[in-house]
Amino acid sequence: MEIKISGVDVDTGLDLCDGEEDIYLRVLRAFVNAIPEAIEKMRNVSAETLQNYAVNAHGIKSTSESIGAEGTRKAAKQLEAMARAGDLSGVLSQNEAFFKQTTDLVDNIRNFLEKYDS
């Protein structure tokens, strides 16, 4: 079955896994399992939690890069930089859009994996 997932450059992700589809599928499964928890940790961001927010954004950035999800990687990178700089208003202005984008990506991957596994 061809791997096609909206929001993911599968060729890039496969290249990062040396073309090994089974490894790439494991990375996709790990992404789907880890990202919802990271998003939950980011939900109620405040000035006191900005540094933890930055750590979670960094994690999403890295894992997004590992699957070829460039749009999510870029958004996470920007949020991480704003959080590290203490820009709470900047984070808050983009937070909900980022959560939706990332949740949609997780759903797209999950839907693909369900079809793949059936």
N, C-alpha and C. Protein backbone atom coordinates (compact mmCIF):
# COMPACT_ATOMS: atom_id res chain seq x y z
N MET A 1 0.84 -1.18 0.00
CA MET A 1 0.00 0.00 0.00
C MET A 1 0.89 1.25 0.00
N GLU A 2 0.56 2.16 -0.89
CA GLU A 2 1.33 3.41 -0.95
C GLU A 2 1.01 4.28 0.26
N ILE A 3 2.05 4.88 0.80
CA ILE A 3 1.87 5.75 1.96
C ILE A 3 1.59 7.17 1.46
N LYS A 4 0.37 7.64 1.72
CA LYS A 4 -0.03 9.01 1.38
C LYS A 4 -0.76 9.57 2.59
N ILE A 5 -0.24 10.67 3.14
CA ILE A 5 -0.83 11.27 4.32
C ILE A 5 -0.80 12.79 4.13
N SER A 6 -1.96 13.40 4.25
CA SER A 6 -2.05 14.86 4.13
C SER A 6 -1.22 15.51 5.24
N GLY A 7 -0.39 16.48 4.86
CA GLY A 7 0.45 17.19 5.82
C GLY A 7 1.81 16.57 6.02
N VAL A 8 2.08 15.47 5.29
CA VAL A 8 3.34 14.75 5.47
C VAL A 8 4.01 14.56 4.11
N ASP A 9 5.29 14.91 4.02
CA ASP A 9 6.10 14.60 2.85
C ASP A 9 6.71 13.23 3.12
N VAL A 10 6.00 12.21 2.65
CA VAL A 10 6.39 10.83 2.92
C VAL A 10 7.78 10.53 2.38
N ASP A 11 8.12 11.07 1.22
CA ASP A 11 9.45 10.81 0.65
C ASP A 11 10.55 11.29 1.59
N THR A 12 10.36 12.46 2.17
CA THR A 12 11.34 12.98 3.13
C THR A 12 11.43 12.08 4.34
N GLY A 13 10.29 11.69 4.88
CA GLY A 13 10.27 10.81 6.04
C GLY A 13 10.94 9.48 5.76
N LEU A 14 10.64 8.91 4.60
CA LEU A 14 11.26 7.63 4.22
C LEU A 14 12.77 7.79 4.05
N ASP A 15 13.19 8.91 3.46
CA ASP A 15 14.64 9.16 3.30
C ASP A 15 15.34 9.18 4.66
N LEU A 16 14.69 9.78 5.66
CA LEU A 16 15.27 9.84 7.00
C LEU A 16 15.36 8.45 7.64
N CYS A 17 14.58 7.51 7.11
CA CYS A 17 14.60 6.13 7.60
C CYS A 17 15.32 5.22 6.62
N ASP A 18 16.20 5.81 5.80
CA ASP A 18 16.97 5.06 4.81
C ASP A 18 16.09 4.23 3.89
N GLY A 19 14.89 4.74 3.62
CA GLY A 19 13.98 4.06 2.71
C GLY A 19 13.30 2.83 3.30
N GLU A 20 13.50 2.60 4.58
CA GLU A 20 12.93 1.42 5.25
C GLU A 20 11.49 1.72 5.68
N GLU A 21 10.54 1.21 4.91
CA GLU A 21 9.13 1.49 5.17
C GLU A 21 8.70 1.00 6.56
N ASP A 22 9.17 -0.16 6.99
CA ASP A 22 8.76 -0.67 8.30
C ASP A 22 9.24 0.24 9.43
N ILE A 23 10.43 0.80 9.29
CA ILE A 23 10.94 1.74 10.29
C ILE A 23 10.11 3.02 10.27
N TYR A 24 9.82 3.51 9.07
CA TYR A 24 9.02 4.73 8.93
C TYR A 24 7.64 4.54 9.56
N LEU A 25 7.03 3.41 9.35
CA LEU A 25 5.72 3.14 9.94
C LEU A 25 5.80 3.13 11.46
N ARG A 26 6.89 2.62 12.02
CA ARG A 26 7.08 2.66 13.48
C ARG A 26 7.23 4.09 13.97
N VAL A 27 7.93 4.90 13.19
CA VAL A 27 8.09 6.32 13.56
C VAL A 27 6.73 7.03 13.52
N LEU A 28 5.93 6.73 12.50
CA LEU A 28 4.58 7.32 12.42
C LEU A 28 3.73 6.90 13.62
N ARG A 29 3.82 5.63 14.00
CA ARG A 29 3.05 5.15 15.16
C ARG A 29 3.51 5.85 16.44
N ALA A 30 4.80 6.03 16.59
CA ALA A 30 5.34 6.71 17.76
C ALA A 30 4.85 8.16 17.80
N PHE A 31 4.81 8.81 16.65
CA PHE A 31 4.32 10.18 16.55
C PHE A 31 2.88 10.26 17.04
N VAL A 32 2.03 9.38 16.52
CA VAL A 32 0.61 9.37 16.88
C VAL A 32 0.43 9.12 18.38
N ASN A 33 1.28 8.30 18.96
CA ASN A 33 1.16 7.99 20.39
C ASN A 33 1.68 9.11 21.29
N ALA A 34 2.70 9.83 20.85
CA ALA A 34 3.35 10.82 21.71
C ALA A 34 2.76 12.23 21.62
N ILE A 35 2.34 12.63 20.45
CA ILE A 35 1.98 14.04 20.24
C ILE A 35 0.75 14.49 21.03
N PRO A 36 -0.32 13.70 21.13
CA PRO A 36 -1.46 14.19 21.91
C PRO A 36 -1.10 14.55 23.35
N GLU A 37 -0.23 13.78 23.98
CA GLU A 37 0.18 14.08 25.35
C GLU A 37 0.99 15.38 25.40
N ALA A 38 1.86 15.59 24.43
CA ALA A 38 2.63 16.84 24.37
C ALA A 38 1.71 18.04 24.21
N ILE A 39 0.69 17.90 23.38
CA ILE A 39 -0.26 19.01 23.18
C ILE A 39 -0.99 19.30 24.49
N GLU A 40 -1.41 18.25 25.19
CA GLU A 40 -2.11 18.46 26.46
C GLU A 40 -1.24 19.23 27.45
N LYS A 41 0.05 18.94 27.48
CA LYS A 41 0.97 19.63 28.38
C LYS A 41 1.13 21.11 28.00
N MET A 42 0.81 21.44 26.76
CA MET A 42 0.98 22.81 26.27
C MET A 42 -0.29 23.64 26.40
N ARG A 43 -1.40 23.02 26.70
CA ARG A 43 -2.70 23.69 26.62
C ARG A 43 -2.85 24.93 27.49
N ASN A 44 -2.56 24.87 28.73
CA ASN A 44 -2.82 25.99 29.64
C ASN A 44 -1.53 26.77 29.91
N VAL A 45 -0.96 27.28 28.84
CA VAL A 45 0.31 27.99 28.95
C VAL A 45 0.13 29.31 29.70
N SER A 46 1.12 29.61 30.52
CA SER A 46 1.16 30.87 31.27
C SER A 46 2.61 31.33 31.31
N ALA A 47 2.83 32.50 31.85
CA ALA A 47 4.20 33.00 31.96
C ALA A 47 5.07 32.03 32.76
N GLU A 48 4.49 31.38 33.76
CA GLU A 48 5.24 30.45 34.60
C GLU A 48 5.58 29.14 33.87
N THR A 49 4.78 28.78 32.87
CA THR A 49 4.98 27.49 32.20
C THR A 49 5.60 27.63 30.80
N LEU A 50 6.03 28.82 30.45
CA LEU A 50 6.58 29.03 29.10
C LEU A 50 7.78 28.15 28.80
N GLN A 51 8.65 27.93 29.76
CA GLN A 51 9.84 27.11 29.49
C GLN A 51 9.46 25.65 29.25
N ASN A 52 8.50 25.13 30.01
CA ASN A 52 8.01 23.77 29.75
C ASN A 52 7.31 23.70 28.41
N TYR A 53 6.59 24.75 28.08
CA TYR A 53 5.93 24.84 26.78
C TYR A 53 6.98 24.74 25.67
N ALA A 54 8.07 25.47 25.83
CA ALA A 54 9.15 25.46 24.82
C ALA A 54 9.72 24.07 24.65
N VAL A 55 9.88 23.34 25.76
CA VAL A 55 10.42 21.97 25.69
C VAL A 55 9.47 21.08 24.89
N ASN A 56 8.18 21.18 25.14
CA ASN A 56 7.21 20.37 24.40
C ASN A 56 7.13 20.78 22.93
N ALA A 57 7.20 22.08 22.67
CA ALA A 57 7.21 22.55 21.27
C ALA A 57 8.45 22.01 20.55
N HIS A 58 9.58 21.99 21.25
CA HIS A 58 10.81 21.45 20.67
C HIS A 58 10.63 19.97 20.32
N GLY A 59 10.00 19.23 21.21
CA GLY A 59 9.76 17.81 20.94
C GLY A 59 8.87 17.60 19.74
N ILE A 60 7.82 18.40 19.62
CA ILE A 60 6.93 18.28 18.46
C ILE A 60 7.67 18.68 17.20
N LYS A 61 8.49 19.71 17.30
CA LYS A 61 9.30 20.14 16.14
C LYS A 61 10.18 18.99 15.65
N SER A 62 10.88 18.37 16.57
CA SER A 62 11.80 17.29 16.19
C SER A 62 11.08 16.08 15.62
N THR A 63 10.01 15.68 16.27
CA THR A 63 9.30 14.49 15.78
C THR A 63 8.59 14.79 14.47
N SER A 64 8.11 16.00 14.29
CA SER A 64 7.49 16.38 13.01
C SER A 64 8.51 16.31 11.89
N GLU A 65 9.72 16.78 12.17
CA GLU A 65 10.78 16.71 11.18
C GLU A 65 11.08 15.26 10.82
N SER A 66 11.04 14.36 11.80
CA SER A 66 11.40 12.97 11.56
C SER A 66 10.41 12.23 10.67
N ILE A 67 9.19 12.77 10.52
CA ILE A 67 8.22 12.11 9.64
C ILE A 67 8.01 12.87 8.33
N GLY A 68 8.60 14.06 8.21
CA GLY A 68 8.43 14.86 7.00
C GLY A 68 7.25 15.79 7.06
N ALA A 69 6.83 16.19 8.26
CA ALA A 69 5.69 17.10 8.44
C ALA A 69 6.23 18.53 8.59
N GLU A 70 6.62 19.11 7.48
CA GLU A 70 7.33 20.40 7.49
C GLU A 70 6.47 21.54 8.02
N GLY A 71 5.20 21.58 7.68
CA GLY A 71 4.34 22.67 8.16
C GLY A 71 4.23 22.68 9.68
N THR A 72 4.05 21.51 10.25
CA THR A 72 3.96 21.40 11.70
C THR A 72 5.31 21.70 12.33
N ARG A 73 6.40 21.25 11.71
CA ARG A 73 7.74 21.54 12.22
C ARG A 73 7.98 23.04 12.29
N LYS A 74 7.63 23.75 11.21
CA LYS A 74 7.85 25.20 11.18
C LYS A 74 7.03 25.92 12.24
N ALA A 75 5.78 25.51 12.40
CA ALA A 75 4.92 26.15 13.40
C ALA A 75 5.45 25.89 14.80
N ALA A 76 5.88 24.66 15.07
CA ALA A 76 6.43 24.33 16.39
C ALA A 76 7.73 25.10 16.65
N LYS A 77 8.54 25.23 15.62
CA LYS A 77 9.80 25.98 15.77
C LYS A 77 9.53 27.43 16.15
N GLN A 78 8.56 28.03 15.49
CA GLN A 78 8.22 29.42 15.78
C GLN A 78 7.68 29.56 17.21
N LEU A 79 6.81 28.65 17.61
CA LEU A 79 6.27 28.70 18.97
C LEU A 79 7.35 28.46 20.01
N GLU A 80 8.25 27.54 19.73
CA GLU A 80 9.36 27.29 20.65
C GLU A 80 10.19 28.55 20.84
N ALA A 81 10.51 29.22 19.74
CA ALA A 81 11.33 30.44 19.82
C ALA A 81 10.60 31.53 20.62
N MET A 82 9.31 31.69 20.38
CA MET A 82 8.56 32.70 21.12
C MET A 82 8.52 32.36 22.61
N ALA A 83 8.32 31.09 22.93
CA ALA A 83 8.26 30.69 24.34
C ALA A 83 9.60 30.92 25.01
N ARG A 84 10.70 30.56 24.34
CA ARG A 84 12.03 30.75 24.92
C ARG A 84 12.34 32.24 25.13
N ALA A 85 11.75 33.08 24.26
CA ALA A 85 11.96 34.53 24.38
C ALA A 85 11.01 35.17 25.41
N GLY A 86 10.10 34.38 25.97
CA GLY A 86 9.17 34.92 26.95
C GLY A 86 7.99 35.64 26.34
N ASP A 87 7.72 35.40 25.08
CA ASP A 87 6.63 36.08 24.36
C ASP A 87 5.31 35.33 24.53
N LEU A 88 4.70 35.48 25.70
CA LEU A 88 3.45 34.78 25.98
C LEU A 88 2.33 35.20 25.04
N SER A 89 2.23 36.50 24.76
CA SER A 89 1.15 36.95 23.88
C SER A 89 1.32 36.37 22.47
N GLY A 90 2.55 36.26 21.99
CA GLY A 90 2.79 35.65 20.69
C GLY A 90 2.40 34.19 20.68
N VAL A 91 2.76 33.47 21.74
CA VAL A 91 2.38 32.06 21.86
C VAL A 91 0.87 31.93 21.86
N LEU A 92 0.22 32.72 22.69
CA LEU A 92 -1.24 32.63 22.80
C LEU A 92 -1.94 32.96 21.48
N SER A 93 -1.36 33.85 20.69
CA SER A 93 -1.98 34.23 19.42
C SER A 93 -1.96 33.11 18.39
N GLN A 94 -1.04 32.16 18.54
CA GLN A 94 -0.91 31.09 17.55
C GLN A 94 -1.21 29.70 18.10
N ASN A 95 -1.43 29.63 19.39
CA ASN A 95 -1.57 28.35 20.07
C ASN A 95 -2.70 27.49 19.52
N GLU A 96 -3.90 28.02 19.45
CA GLU A 96 -5.05 27.22 19.04
C GLU A 96 -4.92 26.74 17.60
N ALA A 97 -4.42 27.60 16.72
CA ALA A 97 -4.21 27.18 15.32
C ALA A 97 -3.19 26.06 15.25
N PHE A 98 -2.14 26.15 16.07
CA PHE A 98 -1.13 25.10 16.10
C PHE A 98 -1.72 23.79 16.61
N PHE A 99 -2.52 23.86 17.67
CA PHE A 99 -3.15 22.65 18.20
C PHE A 99 -4.04 22.00 17.15
N LYS A 100 -4.79 22.81 16.43
CA LYS A 100 -5.67 22.25 15.39
C LYS A 100 -4.85 21.61 14.29
N GLN A 101 -3.84 22.31 13.82
CA GLN A 101 -2.98 21.78 12.76
C GLN A 101 -2.35 20.45 13.18
N THR A 102 -1.84 20.42 14.39
CA THR A 102 -1.14 19.23 14.87
C THR A 102 -2.11 18.09 15.14
N THR A 103 -3.25 18.40 15.71
CA THR A 103 -4.27 17.37 15.95
C THR A 103 -4.79 16.81 14.63
N ASP A 104 -4.99 17.67 13.64
CA ASP A 104 -5.40 17.20 12.31
C ASP A 104 -4.35 16.27 11.72
N LEU A 105 -3.09 16.62 11.89
CA LEU A 105 -2.00 15.78 11.39
C LEU A 105 -2.03 14.41 12.06
N VAL A 106 -2.18 14.39 13.38
CA VAL A 106 -2.26 13.12 14.11
C VAL A 106 -3.44 12.29 13.58
N ASP A 107 -4.58 12.95 13.38
CA ASP A 107 -5.76 12.25 12.86
C ASP A 107 -5.49 11.68 11.47
N ASN A 108 -4.84 12.46 10.61
CA ASN A 108 -4.52 11.99 9.25
C ASN A 108 -3.63 10.75 9.30
N ILE A 109 -2.63 10.79 10.16
CA ILE A 109 -1.71 9.65 10.29
C ILE A 109 -2.45 8.45 10.87
N ARG A 110 -3.23 8.70 11.91
CA ARG A 110 -3.98 7.61 12.55
C ARG A 110 -4.93 6.96 11.53
N ASN A 111 -5.63 7.77 10.75
CA ASN A 111 -6.55 7.22 9.74
C ASN A 111 -5.79 6.38 8.71
N PHE A 112 -4.62 6.87 8.28
CA PHE A 112 -3.83 6.08 7.34
C PHE A 112 -3.43 4.74 7.98
N LEU A 113 -2.92 4.78 9.20
CA LEU A 113 -2.46 3.57 9.86
C LEU A 113 -3.59 2.56 10.07
N GLU A 114 -4.79 3.06 10.38
CA GLU A 114 -5.94 2.15 10.53
C GLU A 114 -6.24 1.43 9.21
N LYS A 115 -6.20 2.18 8.12
CA LYS A 115 -6.43 1.56 6.79
C LYS A 115 -5.29 0.60 6.45
N TYR A 116 -4.09 1.01 6.76
CA TYR A 116 -2.91 0.18 6.47
C TYR A 116 -2.98 -1.15 7.22
N ASP A 117 -3.42 -1.08 8.47
CA ASP A 117 -3.45 -2.27 9.32
C ASP A 117 -4.63 -3.19 9.05
N SER A 118 -5.62 -2.69 8.31
CA SER A 118 -6.81 -3.54 8.09
C SER A 118 -6.69 -4.40 6.86
